[in-house]
Amino acid sequence: MPGRGRLSRPQEQRAAVWWDSGAGRLLLDRARDILPRWIERLQPETVLQLGQPLFWGMPPGTERTWVLLNDGAALPPEAYLQVCGACPDMPFAPMRFDLVIVPFCLSRMGDPEAVLDECWRVLRPEGHVLIMDFNPGGSLSFMRRWRLWRRDRAWPWRRPFLPLGKLRTLLENQDFILKEGRYFQYTLPGLEKNAQWMELVGDRWWPAGANAYLLLAQRRDPERPLVGLATPVKMRRERRKVSSEAPAAYDHSELG
C-alpha cells in the first residue's frame, strides 16, 4: 500500500526534526554502518520496519520485500512499500515477516510490551526481531534530563529511556529467545573528528556509556508446526489461534 503517509502527530514531528539534528545524525550514521551486516547474516526474505528513522533513502536491495509501518512521522520516497498504522496494533496478518526492525521507538511507546507482542504475532516461526534503542547510561540520557528540566518543548523523547535489562525481561516474557546484542555510538556533537577513536575506546573500556544498544531476539514456538502443515500455534496473552503456511527456514550457523 504505497503512499506518503498520514499527517504526523506533534511528537512524531519533533522526533523527525531531532533525527536531522547533529546528535540525531551522528547516531543514525552509526546505526547505518552497523545494521546492514546484521541483516545480511540473517538473510530475511520479508522485512518490516516500524516507523522512523529511515536508514536508507530507498529500500536496501531488491531481493527482499521491505515494508515500512508508517506511524505518521516518516516521509520516505515512493519506492518504499508503506502501510499506515500504529505499532501496538499492526495491520498485518499473523506470521508474515522473517525480520522486524524496531528502531528507537520503544522508548516513545506507552506500552512497549504491546509492541513486542505484535512483533511476535507478525513474525514467522523462528523469525527475528532486531531492536535499537537509547541507552539510559549514555550522554543522550543526560541531555534528555537537561532538556526536560529546561522544559524544552522541542525535545521529542519525553519518556525515560528503556533499560537494556528491562527490555531483556520483556522479550523473555513474550516468548523470545535472546541471541546477541551490543552497545554503540559514543560520540557527541562537536567531536565528530574523534568519532572513530571514541568508538574504539568506548567499546573496549566503557560499553555501558554508549548512547544506544542493539539487541537481537528470535521468536520461540513451544508448539512449532511441522513443515508443510498449517497447524494452529499456541498464543500467549489471550491471542486467537491462527494458522499459517510452512515457516521459512534459516541457516543459524552464523549466529554464533
Protein backbone atom coordinates (compact mmCIF):
# COMPACT_ATOMS: atom_id res chain seq x y z
CA MET A 1 0.00 0.00 0.00
CA PRO A 2 2.31 2.76 -1.22
CA GLY A 3 1.76 6.33 -0.20
CA ARG A 4 3.13 9.35 1.55
CA GLY A 5 1.59 8.50 4.91
CA ARG A 6 -0.82 10.37 7.10
CA LEU A 7 -0.11 13.63 8.89
CA SER A 8 2.36 13.45 11.75
CA ARG A 9 1.36 13.97 15.33
CA PRO A 10 3.40 16.60 17.24
CA GLN A 11 5.58 14.03 18.99
CA GLU A 12 6.50 12.29 15.73
CA GLN A 13 7.16 15.66 14.10
CA ARG A 14 9.57 16.60 16.88
CA ALA A 15 11.30 13.23 16.56
CA ALA A 16 11.74 13.72 12.81
CA VAL A 17 13.35 17.12 13.43
CA TRP A 18 15.66 15.64 16.08
CA TRP A 19 16.91 12.92 13.72
CA ASP A 20 18.01 15.71 11.38
CA SER A 21 19.96 17.46 14.16
CA GLY A 22 23.66 16.98 14.92
CA ALA A 23 23.12 14.42 17.68
CA GLY A 24 20.48 12.58 15.66
CA ARG A 25 22.62 12.36 12.53
CA LEU A 26 25.61 11.03 14.50
CA LEU A 27 23.53 8.24 15.98
CA LEU A 28 21.77 7.49 12.70
CA ASP A 29 25.05 7.33 10.74
CA ARG A 30 26.49 4.83 13.22
CA ALA A 31 23.31 2.73 13.06
CA ARG A 32 23.51 2.75 9.26
CA ASP A 33 27.05 1.38 9.48
CA ILE A 34 26.06 -1.48 11.80
CA LEU A 35 22.65 -2.61 10.59
CA PRO A 36 23.46 -4.00 7.10
CA ARG A 37 25.88 -6.59 8.47
CA TRP A 38 23.27 -7.94 10.88
CA ILE A 39 20.65 -8.14 8.15
CA GLU A 40 23.00 -9.97 5.80
CA ARG A 41 23.71 -12.58 8.46
CA LEU A 42 20.01 -13.30 8.93
CA GLN A 43 19.15 -13.36 5.20
CA PRO A 44 15.45 -12.47 5.63
CA GLU A 45 13.12 -12.53 2.64
CA THR A 46 10.48 -10.25 4.18
CA VAL A 47 11.39 -7.32 6.45
CA LEU A 48 9.13 -4.99 8.45
CA GLN A 49 10.47 -1.71 9.84
CA LEU A 50 8.48 0.13 12.50
CA GLY A 51 8.40 3.88 11.91
CA GLN A 52 11.29 6.29 11.84
CA PRO A 53 14.19 6.79 11.50
CA LEU A 54 14.73 5.71 7.91
CA PHE A 55 18.10 4.05 7.44
CA TRP A 56 18.30 4.44 3.68
CA GLY A 57 16.98 6.79 1.04
CA MET A 58 15.45 3.77 -0.65
CA PRO A 59 14.85 0.19 0.49
CA PRO A 60 18.20 -1.66 0.57
CA GLY A 61 18.23 -4.11 -2.32
CA THR A 62 15.50 -5.57 -4.48
CA GLU A 63 15.90 -9.19 -3.42
CA ARG A 64 13.82 -8.61 -0.26
CA THR A 65 10.31 -7.41 0.45
CA TRP A 66 10.82 -4.37 2.71
CA VAL A 67 7.71 -2.88 4.32
CA LEU A 68 7.61 0.32 6.36
CA LEU A 69 4.94 0.68 9.03
CA ASN A 70 4.46 4.44 8.84
CA ASP A 71 3.10 5.73 12.15
CA GLY A 72 2.81 9.26 10.82
CA ALA A 73 6.37 10.55 11.16
CA ALA A 74 8.31 9.12 8.23
CA LEU A 75 8.20 10.68 4.75
CA PRO A 76 10.13 8.16 2.66
CA PRO A 77 10.48 8.03 -1.12
CA GLU A 78 7.66 6.46 -3.10
CA ALA A 79 9.85 3.38 -3.65
CA TYR A 80 9.08 2.27 -0.10
CA LEU A 81 6.17 -0.10 0.34
CA GLN A 82 4.27 1.62 3.13
CA VAL A 83 1.38 0.77 5.39
CA CYS A 84 -0.07 3.36 7.75
CA GLY A 85 -0.81 2.14 11.24
CA ALA A 86 0.18 2.07 14.90
CA CYS A 87 2.98 -0.08 16.31
CA PRO A 88 0.86 -1.55 19.16
CA ASP A 89 -1.84 -2.60 16.67
CA MET A 90 -0.16 -3.62 13.41
CA PRO A 91 -2.42 -4.05 10.38
CA PHE A 92 -0.77 -7.30 9.24
CA ALA A 93 -1.75 -10.94 9.15
CA PRO A 94 -0.04 -13.29 11.62
CA MET A 95 3.29 -14.91 10.71
CA ARG A 96 4.02 -12.58 7.80
CA PHE A 97 7.65 -11.45 8.23
CA ASP A 98 11.08 -13.02 8.68
CA LEU A 99 12.54 -9.95 10.41
CA VAL A 100 11.04 -7.00 12.28
CA ILE A 101 13.30 -3.98 12.84
CA VAL A 102 12.32 -1.80 15.80
CA PRO A 103 14.47 1.36 15.55
CA PHE A 104 14.40 3.67 18.58
CA CYS A 105 10.62 3.54 19.01
CA LEU A 106 10.04 1.50 22.19
CA SER A 107 11.18 4.41 24.36
CA ARG A 108 8.39 6.60 22.99
CA MET A 109 5.69 3.95 23.38
CA GLY A 110 3.36 3.97 26.35
CA ASP A 111 3.16 0.16 26.26
CA PRO A 112 6.34 -1.40 24.80
CA GLU A 113 5.10 -4.83 25.84
CA ALA A 114 2.16 -4.49 23.44
CA VAL A 115 4.55 -3.62 20.60
CA LEU A 116 6.69 -6.70 21.30
CA ASP A 117 3.53 -8.79 21.48
CA GLU A 118 2.61 -7.60 18.00
CA CYS A 119 6.15 -8.29 16.76
CA TRP A 120 5.81 -11.90 17.95
CA ARG A 121 2.44 -12.20 16.21
CA VAL A 122 3.56 -10.98 12.77
CA LEU A 123 6.84 -12.93 12.78
CA ARG A 124 7.08 -16.31 11.16
CA PRO A 125 8.26 -19.23 13.31
CA GLU A 126 11.95 -18.74 14.14
CA GLY A 127 11.76 -15.18 12.82
CA HIS A 128 13.85 -12.43 14.41
CA VAL A 129 13.27 -9.03 15.95
CA LEU A 130 16.15 -6.53 15.82
CA ILE A 131 15.76 -3.71 18.33
CA MET A 132 17.74 -0.48 18.51
CA ASP A 133 17.04 1.90 21.36
CA PHE A 134 18.54 4.61 23.55
CA ASN A 135 20.78 3.60 26.45
CA PRO A 136 19.86 5.21 29.80
CA GLY A 137 23.57 5.30 30.71
CA GLY A 138 24.64 7.34 27.68
CA SER A 139 25.18 11.05 27.22
CA LEU A 140 21.86 11.40 25.39
CA SER A 141 20.10 10.34 28.57
CA PHE A 142 21.75 13.20 30.46
CA MET A 143 20.82 15.54 27.61
CA ARG A 144 17.22 14.36 27.89
CA ARG A 145 17.08 15.22 31.59
CA TRP A 146 18.59 18.63 30.97
CA ARG A 147 16.12 19.39 28.17
CA LEU A 148 13.18 18.34 30.31
CA TRP A 149 14.48 20.42 33.22
CA ARG A 150 14.54 23.41 30.86
CA ARG A 151 11.00 22.49 29.73
CA ASP A 152 12.17 22.33 26.13
CA ARG A 153 9.02 21.62 24.13
CA ALA A 154 11.05 20.71 21.04
CA TRP A 155 12.66 17.72 22.77
CA PRO A 156 10.89 14.59 21.44
CA TRP A 157 11.88 11.93 23.98
CA ARG A 158 9.66 12.65 26.97
CA ARG A 159 9.60 9.16 28.45
CA PRO A 160 12.60 7.62 30.24
CA PHE A 161 14.80 5.51 28.00
CA LEU A 162 14.15 1.77 28.19
CA PRO A 163 16.94 -0.01 30.14
CA LEU A 164 18.51 -2.98 28.42
CA GLY A 165 17.79 -5.23 31.41
CA LYS A 166 14.09 -4.38 31.30
CA LEU A 167 13.97 -4.99 27.56
CA ARG A 168 15.55 -8.41 28.02
CA THR A 169 12.88 -9.28 30.59
CA LEU A 170 10.08 -8.08 28.30
CA LEU A 171 11.42 -10.16 25.42
CA GLU A 172 11.71 -13.28 27.53
CA ASN A 173 8.17 -12.78 28.83
CA GLN A 174 6.95 -12.52 25.24
CA ASP A 175 8.48 -15.89 24.28
CA PHE A 176 11.54 -14.52 22.52
CA ILE A 177 14.97 -16.15 22.76
CA LEU A 178 17.77 -13.63 23.26
CA LYS A 179 20.52 -14.17 20.67
CA GLU A 180 23.08 -11.38 20.98
CA GLY A 181 23.50 -7.64 21.30
CA ARG A 182 25.91 -4.75 21.61
CA TYR A 183 26.27 -1.13 22.66
CA PHE A 184 27.25 1.50 20.10
CA GLN A 185 27.76 5.22 19.39
CA TYR A 186 29.73 7.21 21.95
CA THR A 187 30.38 10.43 20.02
CA LEU A 188 28.86 13.80 20.92
CA PRO A 189 28.06 16.71 18.57
CA GLY A 190 31.20 18.77 18.02
CA LEU A 191 33.51 15.78 18.47
CA GLU A 192 32.94 14.18 15.07
CA LYS A 193 36.68 14.23 14.27
CA ASN A 194 37.27 11.84 17.18
CA ALA A 195 34.35 9.58 16.34
CA GLN A 196 36.38 6.51 15.34
CA TRP A 197 38.70 6.81 18.35
CA MET A 198 35.78 7.25 20.74
CA GLU A 199 34.01 4.20 19.31
CA LEU A 200 37.10 2.04 19.85
CA VAL A 201 37.72 3.31 23.38
CA GLY A 202 34.06 3.08 24.31
CA ASP A 203 33.67 -0.49 23.06
CA ARG A 204 36.74 -1.58 24.99
CA TRP A 205 36.59 0.37 28.23
CA TRP A 206 33.10 1.80 28.72
CA PRO A 207 30.45 -0.03 26.66
CA ALA A 208 27.63 0.80 29.09
CA GLY A 209 28.26 4.52 28.41
CA ALA A 210 27.12 4.24 24.79
CA ASN A 211 24.19 6.27 23.55
CA ALA A 212 22.39 3.26 22.10
CA TYR A 213 22.19 -0.50 22.15
CA LEU A 214 21.16 -3.20 19.71
CA LEU A 215 19.52 -6.48 20.69
CA LEU A 216 18.62 -9.45 18.50
CA ALA A 217 15.98 -11.94 19.61
CA GLN A 218 14.26 -14.89 17.97
CA ARG A 219 10.64 -15.96 18.14
CA ARG A 220 10.22 -19.08 20.26
CA ASP A 221 7.43 -21.52 19.38
CA PRO A 222 6.63 -24.08 22.09
CA GLU A 223 4.34 -25.91 19.65
CA ARG A 224 6.06 -25.29 16.34
CA PRO A 225 4.14 -26.81 13.41
CA LEU A 226 5.71 -29.40 11.16
CA VAL A 227 6.97 -28.14 7.81
CA GLY A 228 4.22 -28.31 5.21
CA LEU A 229 1.32 -28.29 7.67
CA ALA A 230 -0.99 -25.45 8.61
CA THR A 231 -1.32 -26.05 12.34
CA PRO A 232 -2.66 -23.68 15.00
CA VAL A 233 0.07 -22.01 17.02
CA LYS A 234 -0.46 -21.59 20.74
CA MET A 235 -0.75 -17.89 21.55
CA ARG A 236 0.00 -16.13 24.81
CA ARG A 237 -1.90 -13.31 26.45
CA GLU A 238 -5.30 -14.38 25.08
CA ARG A 239 -4.18 -14.44 21.43
CA ARG A 240 -6.50 -16.04 18.96
CA LYS A 241 -5.32 -19.30 17.42
CA VAL A 242 -4.05 -18.68 13.91
CA SER A 243 -2.79 -20.80 11.05
CA SER A 244 -0.06 -20.20 8.54
CA GLU A 245 1.83 -21.76 5.69
CA ALA A 246 5.09 -23.60 6.28
CA PRO A 247 7.63 -21.45 8.15
CA ALA A 248 10.68 -20.06 6.43
CA ALA A 249 13.96 -21.86 7.10
CA TYR A 250 17.14 -20.15 8.29
CA ASP A 251 20.79 -21.14 8.42
CA HIS A 252 21.73 -20.50 12.04
CA SER A 253 25.42 -21.38 11.63
CA GLU A 254 26.44 -17.71 11.52
CA LEU A 255 24.50 -16.56 14.57
CA GLY A 256 27.12 -17.77 16.99
